[in-house]
Amino acid sequence: MTSTPSPDWSTLAAPTLADIEKLAAEAFARLPPEFRALCEGVVIKVDDFPDEETLAEMQCETEFDLLGLFRGVGLAQAGATLQTGQFPNMVWLYRRPLLDYWAEHDEKLGHLVTHVLVHEIGHHFGLSDDDMYGIEAAAE
């Protein structure tokens, strides 16, 4: 059995917002074409934390409680057509809560970003958890 050499952690910095954006873009590109077609026009944004309004709305106890969030009108909802003055559908990924979760669990960061991305989009498009796990598996 060969082992992969460990990275030199003394020289590595925490992933930046741009690093998480890149992981999200790569994850999105690996999703099945039919799933990506459902996402036409969805904007993916990365922030360090959710804003105070979002934390209150989602009834979060701390700013680390929310890894991601979909904002918009999903295909499963009536009136999915974009109306004048309406913001585009957006998926928010929150870097610091993602990194905190990653540090506490035995999971690769790229897998975690893919998981959160698929689930935020999938729930609003009316997909079941089984459907989303299948999409996630196809993206790996």
C-alpha atoms as a PDB file:
ATOM      1  CA  MET A   1       0.000   0.000   0.000  1.00  0.00           C
ATOM      2  CA  THR A   2       1.449   3.376  -0.985  1.00  0.00           C
ATOM      3  CA  SER A   3       0.650   6.457   0.969  1.00  0.00           C
ATOM      4  CA  THR A   4       0.240   9.968  -0.273  1.00  0.00           C
ATOM      5  CA  PRO A   5       2.777  12.358   1.227  1.00  0.00           C
ATOM      6  CA  SER A   6       1.255  14.749   3.738  1.00  0.00           C
ATOM      7  CA  PRO A   7       1.183  18.405   2.772  1.00  0.00           C
ATOM      8  CA  ASP A   8       3.468  20.745   4.655  1.00  0.00           C
ATOM      9  CA  TRP A   9       0.789  22.293   6.855  1.00  0.00           C
ATOM     10  CA  SER A  10       3.244  24.860   8.214  1.00  0.00           C
ATOM     11  CA  THR A  11       3.193  26.646   4.847  1.00  0.00           C
ATOM     12  CA  LEU A  12      -0.524  26.400   4.046  1.00  0.00           C
ATOM     13  CA  ALA A  13      -3.063  29.164   4.624  1.00  0.00           C
ATOM     14  CA  ALA A  14      -6.794  28.676   5.135  1.00  0.00           C
ATOM     15  CA  PRO A  15      -8.776  28.544   1.890  1.00  0.00           C
ATOM     16  CA  THR A  16      -9.856  32.020   0.804  1.00  0.00           C
ATOM     17  CA  LEU A  17     -13.221  33.157  -0.558  1.00  0.00           C
ATOM     18  CA  ALA A  18     -11.717  32.766  -4.045  1.00  0.00           C
ATOM     19  CA  ASP A  19     -10.599  29.208  -3.221  1.00  0.00           C
ATOM     20  CA  ILE A  20     -14.128  28.246  -2.125  1.00  0.00           C
ATOM     21  CA  GLU A  21     -15.576  29.944  -5.241  1.00  0.00           C
ATOM     22  CA  LYS A  22     -13.216  27.850  -7.375  1.00  0.00           C
ATOM     23  CA  LEU A  23     -14.233  24.634  -5.575  1.00  0.00           C
ATOM     24  CA  ALA A  24     -17.901  25.545  -6.094  1.00  0.00           C
ATOM     25  CA  ALA A  25     -17.382  26.304  -9.800  1.00  0.00           C
ATOM     26  CA  GLU A  26     -15.530  23.011 -10.277  1.00  0.00           C
ATOM     27  CA  ALA A  27     -18.257  21.129  -8.397  1.00  0.00           C
ATOM     28  CA  PHE A  28     -20.971  22.786 -10.490  1.00  0.00           C
ATOM     29  CA  ALA A  29     -19.143  21.878 -13.717  1.00  0.00           C
ATOM     30  CA  ARG A  30     -19.082  18.198 -12.674  1.00  0.00           C
ATOM     31  CA  LEU A  31     -22.836  18.036 -12.026  1.00  0.00           C
ATOM     32  CA  PRO A  32     -24.940  16.058 -14.507  1.00  0.00           C
ATOM     33  CA  PRO A  33     -26.007  18.199 -17.497  1.00  0.00           C
ATOM     34  CA  GLU A  34     -29.727  17.754 -16.760  1.00  0.00           C
ATOM     35  CA  PHE A  35     -29.218  19.096 -13.216  1.00  0.00           C
ATOM     36  CA  ARG A  36     -27.148  22.042 -14.456  1.00  0.00           C
ATOM     37  CA  ALA A  37     -29.950  22.781 -16.951  1.00  0.00           C
ATOM     38  CA  LEU A  38     -32.323  23.250 -13.989  1.00  0.00           C
ATOM     39  CA  CYS A  39     -29.878  25.810 -12.639  1.00  0.00           C
ATOM     40  CA  GLU A  40     -29.774  28.143 -15.620  1.00  0.00           C
ATOM     41  CA  GLY A  41     -29.170  31.642 -14.333  1.00  0.00           C
ATOM     42  CA  VAL A  42     -28.365  30.583 -10.746  1.00  0.00           C
ATOM     43  CA  VAL A  43     -25.614  32.738  -9.271  1.00  0.00           C
ATOM     44  CA  ILE A  44     -23.211  31.148  -6.777  1.00  0.00           C
ATOM     45  CA  LYS A  45     -21.805  33.546  -4.160  1.00  0.00           C
ATOM     46  CA  VAL A  46     -19.359  32.919  -1.343  1.00  0.00           C
ATOM     47  CA  ASP A  47     -19.219  35.014   1.815  1.00  0.00           C
ATOM     48  CA  ASP A  48     -17.438  34.482   5.097  1.00  0.00           C
ATOM     49  CA  PHE A  49     -20.699  34.426   7.097  1.00  0.00           C
ATOM     50  CA  PRO A  50     -24.431  34.965   6.566  1.00  0.00           C
ATOM     51  CA  ASP A  51     -25.601  38.509   7.326  1.00  0.00           C
ATOM     52  CA  GLU A  52     -27.503  39.280  10.536  1.00  0.00           C
ATOM     53  CA  GLU A  53     -30.875  39.361   8.749  1.00  0.00           C
ATOM     54  CA  THR A  54     -30.320  35.881   7.309  1.00  0.00           C
ATOM     55  CA  LEU A  55     -29.185  34.507  10.682  1.00  0.00           C
ATOM     56  CA  ALA A  56     -32.346  35.860  12.314  1.00  0.00           C
ATOM     57  CA  GLU A  57     -34.617  34.656   9.504  1.00  0.00           C
ATOM     58  CA  MET A  58     -33.138  31.147   9.634  1.00  0.00           C
ATOM     59  CA  GLN A  59     -33.258  31.158  13.455  1.00  0.00           C
ATOM     60  CA  CYS A  60     -29.559  30.387  13.751  1.00  0.00           C
ATOM     61  CA  GLU A  61     -28.023  30.323  17.206  1.00  0.00           C
ATOM     62  CA  THR A  62     -24.564  31.270  15.928  1.00  0.00           C
ATOM     63  CA  GLU A  63     -23.034  32.539  12.713  1.00  0.00           C
ATOM     64  CA  PHE A  64     -21.543  29.049  12.201  1.00  0.00           C
ATOM     65  CA  ASP A  65     -24.937  27.294  11.966  1.00  0.00           C
ATOM     66  CA  LEU A  66     -25.539  27.883   8.256  1.00  0.00           C
ATOM     67  CA  LEU A  67     -23.222  26.378   5.622  1.00  0.00           C
ATOM     68  CA  GLY A  68     -25.199  27.542   2.604  1.00  0.00           C
ATOM     69  CA  LEU A  69     -28.509  29.005   1.509  1.00  0.00           C
ATOM     70  CA  PHE A  70     -30.629  29.200  -1.637  1.00  0.00           C
ATOM     71  CA  ARG A  71     -32.454  32.484  -2.241  1.00  0.00           C
ATOM     72  CA  GLY A  72     -34.900  32.776  -5.082  1.00  0.00           C
ATOM     73  CA  VAL A  73     -37.819  31.061  -6.730  1.00  0.00           C
ATOM     74  CA  GLY A  74     -37.288  27.360  -7.346  1.00  0.00           C
ATOM     75  CA  LEU A  75     -38.770  25.342 -10.176  1.00  0.00           C
ATOM     76  CA  ALA A  76     -40.989  23.510  -7.674  1.00  0.00           C
ATOM     77  CA  GLN A  77     -42.688  26.782  -6.775  1.00  0.00           C
ATOM     78  CA  ALA A  78     -45.383  28.497  -8.795  1.00  0.00           C
ATOM     79  CA  GLY A  79     -44.265  31.438 -10.862  1.00  0.00           C
ATOM     80  CA  ALA A  80     -40.697  30.282 -11.430  1.00  0.00           C
ATOM     81  CA  THR A  81     -40.389  32.787 -14.279  1.00  0.00           C
ATOM     82  CA  LEU A  82     -38.179  35.730 -13.396  1.00  0.00           C
ATOM     83  CA  GLN A  83     -40.253  38.863 -12.895  1.00  0.00           C
ATOM     84  CA  THR A  84     -39.084  42.405 -13.623  1.00  0.00           C
ATOM     85  CA  GLY A  85     -37.068  43.722 -10.682  1.00  0.00           C
ATOM     86  CA  GLN A  86     -36.629  40.247  -9.187  1.00  0.00           C
ATOM     87  CA  PHE A  87     -33.131  39.181  -8.173  1.00  0.00           C
ATOM     88  CA  PRO A  88     -31.732  36.065  -9.855  1.00  0.00           C
ATOM     89  CA  ASN A  89     -31.773  32.764  -8.000  1.00  0.00           C
ATOM     90  CA  MET A  90     -28.669  32.609  -5.822  1.00  0.00           C
ATOM     91  CA  VAL A  91     -26.836  30.004  -3.811  1.00  0.00           C
ATOM     92  CA  TRP A  92     -24.768  31.373  -0.946  1.00  0.00           C
ATOM     93  CA  LEU A  93     -21.899  29.316   0.459  1.00  0.00           C
ATOM     94  CA  TYR A  94     -20.457  30.481   3.771  1.00  0.00           C
ATOM     95  CA  ARG A  95     -16.689  29.988   3.974  1.00  0.00           C
ATOM     96  CA  ARG A  96     -16.079  30.156   7.718  1.00  0.00           C
ATOM     97  CA  PRO A  97     -18.910  27.763   8.707  1.00  0.00           C
ATOM     98  CA  LEU A  98     -17.796  25.404   5.901  1.00  0.00           C
ATOM     99  CA  LEU A  99     -14.214  25.466   7.182  1.00  0.00           C
ATOM    100  CA  ASP A 100     -15.376  24.959  10.764  1.00  0.00           C
ATOM    101  CA  TYR A 101     -17.490  21.953   9.730  1.00  0.00           C
ATOM    102  CA  TRP A 102     -14.597  20.591   7.637  1.00  0.00           C
ATOM    103  CA  ALA A 103     -12.198  20.855  10.593  1.00  0.00           C
ATOM    104  CA  GLU A 104     -14.600  18.881  12.799  1.00  0.00           C
ATOM    105  CA  HIS A 105     -15.435  16.058  10.361  1.00  0.00           C
ATOM    106  CA  ASP A 106     -13.551  13.488   8.334  1.00  0.00           C
ATOM    107  CA  GLU A 107     -14.564  14.861   4.956  1.00  0.00           C
ATOM    108  CA  LYS A 108     -12.699  16.419   2.048  1.00  0.00           C
ATOM    109  CA  LEU A 109     -13.397  20.116   1.538  1.00  0.00           C
ATOM    110  CA  GLY A 110     -14.294  19.656  -2.140  1.00  0.00           C
ATOM    111  CA  HIS A 111     -16.856  16.978  -1.218  1.00  0.00           C
ATOM    112  CA  LEU A 112     -18.371  19.233   1.452  1.00  0.00           C
ATOM    113  CA  VAL A 113     -18.698  22.164  -0.978  1.00  0.00           C
ATOM    114  CA  THR A 114     -20.303  19.872  -3.570  1.00  0.00           C
ATOM    115  CA  HIS A 115     -22.706  18.481  -0.958  1.00  0.00           C
ATOM    116  CA  VAL A 116     -23.853  21.907   0.230  1.00  0.00           C
ATOM    117  CA  LEU A 117     -24.143  23.257  -3.332  1.00  0.00           C
ATOM    118  CA  VAL A 118     -26.244  20.307  -4.544  1.00  0.00           C
ATOM    119  CA  HIS A 119     -28.488  20.356  -1.490  1.00  0.00           C
ATOM    120  CA  GLU A 120     -29.126  24.100  -1.558  1.00  0.00           C
ATOM    121  CA  ILE A 121     -30.114  23.958  -5.216  1.00  0.00           C
ATOM    122  CA  GLY A 122     -31.908  20.632  -4.953  1.00  0.00           C
ATOM    123  CA  HIS A 123     -34.254  21.419  -2.088  1.00  0.00           C
ATOM    124  CA  HIS A 124     -35.576  24.490  -3.874  1.00  0.00           C
ATOM    125  CA  PHE A 125     -36.056  22.557  -7.083  1.00  0.00           C
ATOM    126  CA  GLY A 126     -38.182  19.961  -5.312  1.00  0.00           C
ATOM    127  CA  LEU A 127     -35.670  17.126  -5.424  1.00  0.00           C
ATOM    128  CA  SER A 128     -35.698  14.382  -2.804  1.00  0.00           C
ATOM    129  CA  ASP A 129     -32.678  13.637  -0.641  1.00  0.00           C
ATOM    130  CA  ASP A 130     -32.185  10.403  -2.631  1.00  0.00           C
ATOM    131  CA  ASP A 131     -32.184  12.404  -5.888  1.00  0.00           C
ATOM    132  CA  MET A 132     -29.600  14.809  -4.467  1.00  0.00           C
ATOM    133  CA  TYR A 133     -27.343  12.022  -3.204  1.00  0.00           C
ATOM    134  CA  GLY A 134     -27.455  10.500  -6.700  1.00  0.00           C
ATOM    135  CA  ILE A 135     -26.509  13.836  -8.264  1.00  0.00           C
ATOM    136  CA  GLU A 136     -23.737  14.272  -5.729  1.00  0.00           C
ATOM    137  CA  ALA A 137     -22.397  10.767  -6.456  1.00  0.00           C
ATOM    138  CA  ALA A 138     -22.407  11.516 -10.194  1.00  0.00           C
ATOM    139  CA  ALA A 139     -20.342  14.664  -9.568  1.00  0.00           C
ATOM    140  CA  GLU A 140     -17.625  12.822  -7.624  1.00  0.00           C
END
